[in-house]
Protein backbone atom coordinates (compact mmCIF):
# COMPACT_ATOMS: atom_id res chain seq x y z
CA UNK A 1 73.96 38.54 -33.37
CA UNK A 2 76.62 36.93 -31.20
CA UNK A 3 76.66 33.11 -31.07
CA UNK A 4 75.37 31.57 -27.85
CA UNK A 5 78.05 30.55 -25.40
CA UNK A 6 78.15 26.85 -24.53
CA UNK A 7 79.26 24.78 -21.55
CA UNK A 8 82.41 23.92 -23.48
CA UNK A 9 83.15 27.62 -23.98
CA UNK A 10 82.68 28.25 -20.25
CA UNK A 11 84.99 25.34 -19.47
CA UNK A 12 87.74 26.89 -21.64
CA UNK A 13 87.22 30.31 -20.04
CA UNK A 14 87.40 28.96 -16.49
CA UNK A 15 90.08 26.31 -17.09
CA UNK A 16 87.96 23.49 -15.70
CA UNK A 17 86.12 20.52 -17.22
CA UNK A 18 82.67 20.72 -18.81
CA UNK A 19 81.40 18.44 -16.02
CA UNK A 20 82.68 20.85 -13.37
CA UNK A 21 80.97 23.81 -15.07
CA UNK A 22 77.70 21.91 -15.28
CA UNK A 23 77.85 20.88 -11.62
CA UNK A 24 78.75 24.41 -10.52
CA UNK A 25 75.84 25.96 -12.40
CA UNK A 26 73.52 23.41 -10.76
CA UNK A 27 74.89 24.14 -7.25
CA UNK A 28 76.38 20.70 -6.78
CA UNK A 29 78.01 20.33 -3.34
CA UNK A 30 80.83 18.44 -5.11
CA UNK A 31 82.16 21.83 -6.28
CA UNK A 32 83.57 24.29 -3.77
CA UNK A 33 81.59 27.46 -3.12
CA UNK A 34 84.35 29.77 -4.41
CA UNK A 35 84.66 27.83 -7.68
CA UNK A 36 80.87 27.79 -8.06
CA UNK A 37 80.62 31.54 -7.60
CA UNK A 38 83.51 32.23 -10.02
CA UNK A 39 81.95 30.05 -12.75
CA UNK A 40 78.52 31.61 -12.22
CA UNK A 41 79.93 35.13 -12.46
CA UNK A 42 81.70 34.35 -15.74
CA UNK A 43 78.59 32.62 -17.10
CA UNK A 44 76.47 35.67 -16.20
CA UNK A 45 78.96 38.06 -17.80
CA UNK A 46 78.67 36.13 -21.07
CA UNK A 47 74.84 35.89 -20.80
CA UNK A 48 74.95 32.10 -20.70
CA UNK A 49 71.52 30.44 -21.13
CA UNK A 50 71.16 26.69 -20.36
CA UNK A 51 70.23 24.44 -23.29
CA UNK A 52 66.97 22.98 -21.98
CA UNK A 53 66.62 20.59 -24.90
CA UNK A 54 70.00 19.04 -24.20
CA UNK A 55 69.22 18.97 -20.50
CA UNK A 56 65.89 17.21 -21.10
CA UNK A 57 67.53 14.63 -23.36
CA UNK A 58 69.99 13.84 -20.61
CA UNK A 59 67.45 13.71 -17.79
CA UNK A 60 64.63 12.33 -19.97
CA UNK A 61 62.36 14.97 -18.46
CA UNK A 62 61.40 18.50 -19.51
CA UNK A 63 59.22 19.36 -16.50
CA UNK A 64 56.81 20.85 -19.07
CA UNK A 65 53.14 19.93 -19.63
CA UNK A 66 51.45 20.56 -22.97
CA UNK A 67 47.87 21.84 -22.72
CA UNK A 68 45.36 21.91 -25.60
CA UNK A 69 42.03 23.68 -25.08
CA UNK A 70 39.20 24.18 -27.61
CA UNK A 71 38.42 27.82 -26.78
CA UNK A 72 39.95 30.57 -24.65
CA UNK A 73 36.97 32.94 -24.51
CA UNK A 74 34.66 30.49 -22.72
CA UNK A 75 35.06 31.13 -19.02
CA UNK A 76 34.91 27.44 -18.16
CA UNK A 77 38.15 26.77 -20.05
CA UNK A 78 39.77 29.91 -18.66
CA UNK A 79 39.07 28.70 -15.13
CA UNK A 80 40.31 25.18 -15.93
CA UNK A 81 43.48 26.71 -17.35
CA UNK A 82 43.96 28.75 -14.17
CA UNK A 83 43.69 25.56 -12.10
CA UNK A 84 46.15 23.79 -14.40
CA UNK A 85 48.72 26.57 -14.04
CA UNK A 86 48.36 26.75 -10.27
CA UNK A 87 48.79 23.02 -9.71
CA UNK A 88 51.57 22.66 -12.29
CA UNK A 89 53.56 25.41 -10.59
CA UNK A 90 53.01 23.82 -7.18
CA UNK A 91 54.36 20.50 -8.50
CA UNK A 92 57.38 22.07 -10.22
CA UNK A 93 56.13 21.98 -13.81
CA UNK A 94 55.65 24.64 -16.46
CA UNK A 95 52.89 24.61 -19.09
CA UNK A 96 52.78 25.30 -22.81
CA UNK A 97 49.31 26.13 -24.17
CA UNK A 98 47.93 25.42 -27.63
CA UNK A 99 44.47 26.52 -28.80
CA UNK A 100 42.61 24.18 -31.14
CA UNK A 101 39.75 26.64 -31.83
CA UNK A 102 37.51 23.54 -32.14
CA UNK A 103 39.57 22.46 -35.20
CA UNK A 104 40.62 18.85 -35.80
CA UNK A 105 43.67 19.92 -37.81
CA UNK A 106 44.90 22.40 -35.19
CA UNK A 107 44.44 19.82 -32.47
CA UNK A 108 46.36 17.25 -34.55
CA UNK A 109 49.18 19.75 -35.20
CA UNK A 110 49.43 20.50 -31.47
CA UNK A 111 49.73 16.80 -30.64
CA UNK A 112 52.48 16.41 -33.27
CA UNK A 113 54.33 19.38 -31.75
CA UNK A 114 54.16 17.93 -28.26
CA UNK A 115 55.12 14.31 -28.94
CA UNK A 116 58.58 15.25 -30.27
CA UNK A 117 59.94 15.26 -26.73
CA UNK A 118 59.18 18.89 -25.89
CA UNK A 119 56.77 17.96 -23.07
CA UNK A 120 56.48 15.23 -20.46
CA UNK A 121 52.72 14.83 -20.94
CA UNK A 122 49.57 16.33 -22.42
CA UNK A 123 46.31 17.65 -20.95
CA UNK A 124 43.49 18.35 -23.39
CA UNK A 125 39.79 18.79 -23.98
CA UNK A 126 38.69 17.37 -27.34
CA UNK A 127 37.80 19.78 -30.16
CA UNK A 128 34.24 19.87 -31.48
CA UNK A 129 35.34 18.97 -35.02
CA UNK A 130 37.29 15.96 -33.73
CA UNK A 131 34.18 14.64 -31.98
CA UNK A 132 32.18 15.10 -35.16
CA UNK A 133 34.79 13.41 -37.40
CA UNK A 134 35.42 10.63 -34.88
CA UNK A 135 39.03 10.50 -36.07
CA UNK A 136 41.23 9.84 -33.05
CA UNK A 137 44.41 8.71 -34.81
CA UNK A 138 46.44 11.62 -33.37
CA UNK A 139 45.55 10.57 -29.83
CA UNK A 140 46.55 7.00 -30.61
CA UNK A 141 49.83 8.34 -31.99
CA UNK A 142 50.54 10.14 -28.72
CA UNK A 143 50.03 6.94 -26.74
CA UNK A 144 52.15 5.00 -29.25
CA UNK A 145 55.00 7.42 -28.53
CA UNK A 146 54.46 6.81 -24.79
CA UNK A 147 53.48 10.41 -24.09
CA UNK A 148 51.06 10.32 -21.12
CA UNK A 149 47.76 12.08 -21.78
CA UNK A 150 44.85 13.25 -19.64
CA UNK A 151 41.57 14.25 -21.27
CA UNK A 152 39.23 16.54 -19.33
CA UNK A 153 35.59 17.56 -19.76
CA UNK A 154 35.21 16.48 -23.41
CA UNK A 155 36.74 13.03 -23.63
CA UNK A 156 36.91 10.07 -26.01
CA UNK A 157 35.96 6.83 -24.29
CA UNK A 158 37.67 4.74 -27.00
CA UNK A 159 41.09 6.21 -26.16
CA UNK A 160 42.97 4.35 -23.44
CA UNK A 161 44.17 7.29 -21.34
CA UNK A 162 43.45 8.93 -17.99
CA UNK A 163 40.39 11.21 -17.84
CA UNK A 164 38.86 13.88 -15.61
CA UNK A 165 35.20 14.57 -16.30
CA UNK A 166 32.21 16.33 -14.81
CA UNK A 167 29.13 14.27 -14.02
CA UNK A 168 27.15 16.09 -16.71
CA UNK A 169 24.34 13.54 -16.71
CA UNK A 170 23.78 13.88 -12.97
CA UNK A 171 24.14 17.68 -13.14
CA UNK A 172 21.32 17.99 -15.67
CA UNK A 173 19.25 15.39 -13.86
CA UNK A 174 19.52 17.27 -10.56
CA UNK A 175 18.83 20.63 -12.21
CA UNK A 176 15.65 19.26 -13.78
CA UNK A 177 14.53 17.86 -10.42
CA UNK A 178 15.34 21.24 -8.83
CA UNK A 179 13.06 23.00 -11.32
CA UNK A 180 10.34 20.47 -10.59
CA UNK A 181 10.74 21.06 -6.84
CA UNK A 182 10.03 24.78 -7.31
CA UNK A 183 6.75 23.77 -8.95
CA UNK A 184 7.74 24.08 -12.62
CA UNK A 185 5.21 22.24 -14.77
CA UNK A 186 6.66 22.45 -18.29
CA UNK A 187 10.47 22.35 -18.43
CA UNK A 188 12.28 23.06 -21.70
CA UNK A 189 15.85 21.93 -22.42
CA UNK A 190 17.78 24.31 -24.69
CA UNK A 191 20.88 22.61 -26.08
CA UNK A 192 23.10 24.51 -28.54
CA UNK A 193 26.02 22.10 -27.90
CA UNK A 194 24.21 18.88 -28.81
CA UNK A 195 27.00 17.92 -31.21
CA UNK A 196 29.60 17.45 -28.45
CA UNK A 197 29.74 14.83 -25.73
CA UNK A 198 28.98 17.07 -22.74
CA UNK A 199 25.86 18.47 -24.43
CA UNK A 200 24.65 14.96 -25.21
CA UNK A 201 25.17 13.79 -21.62
CA UNK A 202 23.31 16.81 -20.25
CA UNK A 203 20.39 16.15 -22.56
CA UNK A 204 20.33 12.51 -21.49
CA UNK A 205 20.25 13.58 -17.83
CA UNK A 206 17.36 15.95 -18.52
CA UNK A 207 15.39 13.30 -20.42
CA UNK A 208 15.91 10.72 -17.65
CA UNK A 209 14.71 13.17 -15.00
CA UNK A 210 11.63 14.05 -17.07
CA UNK A 211 10.86 10.36 -17.52
CA UNK A 212 11.21 9.74 -13.77
CA UNK A 213 8.93 12.72 -13.10
CA UNK A 214 6.47 11.41 -15.70
CA UNK A 215 6.67 14.70 -17.58
CA UNK A 216 6.81 15.26 -21.33
CA UNK A 217 10.32 16.36 -22.43
CA UNK A 218 10.67 19.45 -24.64
CA UNK A 219 14.03 19.91 -26.37
CA UNK A 220 15.36 22.58 -28.74
CA UNK A 221 18.72 22.02 -30.47
CA UNK A 222 19.62 25.33 -32.21
CA UNK A 223 22.46 25.14 -34.75
CA UNK A 224 24.22 28.12 -33.18
CA UNK A 225 23.71 31.01 -30.78
CA UNK A 226 22.36 33.26 -33.53
CA UNK A 227 19.40 30.95 -34.10
CA UNK A 228 18.40 30.67 -30.42
CA UNK A 229 16.05 33.68 -30.45
CA UNK A 230 13.92 32.55 -33.39
CA UNK A 231 13.65 28.92 -32.29
CA UNK A 232 12.92 29.85 -28.67
CA UNK A 233 10.26 32.45 -29.59
CA UNK A 234 8.59 29.99 -31.96
CA UNK A 235 8.49 27.40 -29.18
CA UNK A 236 7.23 29.83 -26.52
CA UNK A 237 4.42 30.88 -28.85
CA UNK A 238 3.30 27.27 -29.20
CA UNK A 239 3.92 25.83 -25.73
CA UNK A 240 3.30 26.97 -22.18
CA UNK A 241 6.81 26.88 -20.67
CA UNK A 242 7.54 27.92 -17.09
CA UNK A 243 11.16 26.72 -16.81
CA UNK A 244 14.20 26.47 -19.08
CA UNK A 245 17.36 24.44 -18.49
CA UNK A 246 20.20 25.22 -20.91
CA UNK A 247 23.27 23.11 -21.67
CA UNK A 248 25.65 26.07 -21.28
CA UNK A 249 25.96 29.45 -19.63
CA UNK A 250 25.73 31.76 -22.65
CA UNK A 251 22.51 30.14 -23.89
CA UNK A 252 20.91 30.71 -20.49
CA UNK A 253 21.66 34.43 -20.57
CA UNK A 254 20.38 34.68 -24.15
CA UNK A 255 17.23 32.79 -23.15
CA UNK A 256 16.62 35.23 -20.30
CA UNK A 257 17.01 38.20 -22.63
CA UNK A 258 14.74 36.71 -25.30
CA UNK A 259 12.06 35.81 -22.76
CA UNK A 260 12.08 39.29 -21.23
CA UNK A 261 11.96 40.98 -24.64
CA UNK A 262 8.78 39.03 -25.35
CA UNK A 263 6.99 39.96 -22.16
CA UNK A 264 7.98 37.15 -19.79
CA UNK A 265 9.17 37.95 -16.27
CA UNK A 266 12.18 36.10 -14.84
CA UNK A 267 11.63 34.14 -12.59
CA UNK A 268 7.90 34.88 -12.04
CA UNK A 269 6.86 33.50 -15.42
CA UNK A 270 9.91 31.42 -16.38
CA UNK A 271 12.69 30.05 -14.17
CA UNK A 272 16.05 29.54 -15.91
CA UNK A 273 19.14 27.46 -15.07
CA UNK A 274 22.41 27.26 -17.05
CA UNK A 275 25.66 25.28 -16.85
CA UNK A 276 29.00 26.78 -15.72
CA UNK A 277 29.42 29.22 -12.86
CA UNK A 278 31.14 32.21 -14.46
CA UNK A 279 31.13 35.98 -14.19
CA UNK A 280 28.39 36.22 -16.83
CA UNK A 281 26.04 34.23 -14.61
CA UNK A 282 26.96 36.12 -11.47
CA UNK A 283 26.47 39.58 -13.01
CA UNK A 284 23.51 38.88 -15.32
CA UNK A 285 20.23 40.63 -14.54
CA UNK A 286 18.73 38.77 -12.82
CA UNK A 287 21.71 36.74 -11.63
CA UNK A 288 21.65 33.24 -13.08
CA UNK A 289 21.11 30.01 -11.16
CA UNK A 290 23.71 27.55 -12.45
CA UNK A 291 25.04 24.03 -12.34
CA UNK A 292 28.61 24.66 -11.15
CA UNK A 293 31.22 22.33 -12.63
CA UNK A 294 34.10 23.40 -10.32
CA UNK A 295 36.29 24.24 -13.32
CA UNK A 296 39.38 25.24 -11.35
CA UNK A 297 39.34 21.93 -9.47
CA UNK A 298 39.09 20.07 -12.79
CA UNK A 299 42.30 21.78 -13.91
CA UNK A 300 44.14 20.95 -10.70
CA UNK A 301 42.96 17.34 -10.70
CA UNK A 302 44.00 16.95 -14.36
CA UNK A 303 47.55 18.05 -13.53
CA UNK A 304 47.79 15.82 -10.45
CA UNK A 305 46.53 12.84 -12.46
CA UNK A 306 49.04 13.49 -15.26
CA UNK A 307 52.01 14.06 -12.94
CA UNK A 308 51.20 10.85 -11.07
CA UNK A 309 51.35 9.06 -14.42
CA UNK A 310 54.56 10.84 -15.52
CA UNK A 311 56.32 10.10 -12.24
CA UNK A 312 54.90 6.57 -12.19
CA UNK A 313 52.98 7.09 -8.95
CA UNK A 314 49.77 5.83 -10.55
CA UNK A 315 49.47 2.04 -10.49
CA UNK A 316 46.02 1.79 -12.05
CA UNK A 317 45.70 0.91 -15.72
CA UNK A 318 43.31 3.82 -16.32
CA UNK A 319 42.27 6.62 -13.95
CA UNK A 320 38.87 8.24 -14.49
CA UNK A 321 38.17 10.97 -11.96
CA UNK A 322 34.58 12.27 -11.90
CA UNK A 323 33.86 15.72 -10.44
CA UNK A 324 30.40 16.18 -8.97
CA UNK A 325 28.38 19.28 -9.83
CA UNK A 326 26.57 21.66 -7.50
CA UNK A 327 23.55 23.90 -8.07
CA UNK A 328 24.30 27.52 -7.18
CA UNK A 329 20.94 29.17 -6.59
CA UNK A 330 20.53 32.80 -7.62
CA UNK A 331 17.69 35.04 -8.82
CA UNK A 332 16.71 33.47 -12.14
CA UNK A 333 14.72 30.73 -10.42
CA UNK A 334 11.78 30.84 -8.02
CA UNK A 335 12.42 30.18 -4.37
CA UNK A 336 11.28 26.90 -2.90
């Protein structure tokens, strides 16, 4: 493999200074057009590639944002990622993506990779294991190294950084009231994500709505998706349920399937609402009524918040943007 050609090599080949080569390659008007073109042609003939690390050290900016997400298969995070990429491109930044797979160690490793100067800032949603361990030392390390950070969706309130969240409490509260408005008497909350912050907030919103409605709350917290069927069937055999609110999208579709397999009609016997407005909800049979979190907008707002911090446009000590939810009514709930 041939060694990479450097600016110094190009300077020797073109009989000009290193500074002149650099300015020519960056289209500086200080260098005449003919000289610029000649240097660019020689650079291209030798397959010259700029040293971005050296360039970033000089400019103190990489124009790169590091992104850490807990899961890629969940449509919510895919949509957030799409919004991040769109807004980053519009603002002149590139993104580098790391996947924590809900692992504390992988999340920690990603932070360590990013704080070495390879990115200008970090956008992340906290891994499930990190929330369980309550060990936030890697986030504190990032702030100690003055790497700006924006947390979205799953956040840590104890960490002094900018945040973009969904109003999960209000979303669940409004969904519960919606089910009550369509004359649901006994509303069950199915929460398979009770061990992470968003699941806890949604359960709190449900419980508050049930208290305000003077109804008895019914909550199931399955350990995982595989245990939903057994726990839900056991509950349906004991209680008369005519509505189910789930803390996520996948649980809602599973709940619909389980209910239908055991003789319940959707929505005639049981109305069902889930969180996240993805393709699964849209194409389920029947199509699923959801609490939409506007995932793409969360991604765009996270980038804008981070770039404002990077470019020192943000004057506030801490920015906490809250995205409001919206109920998208489909065929899994009765009509008012």
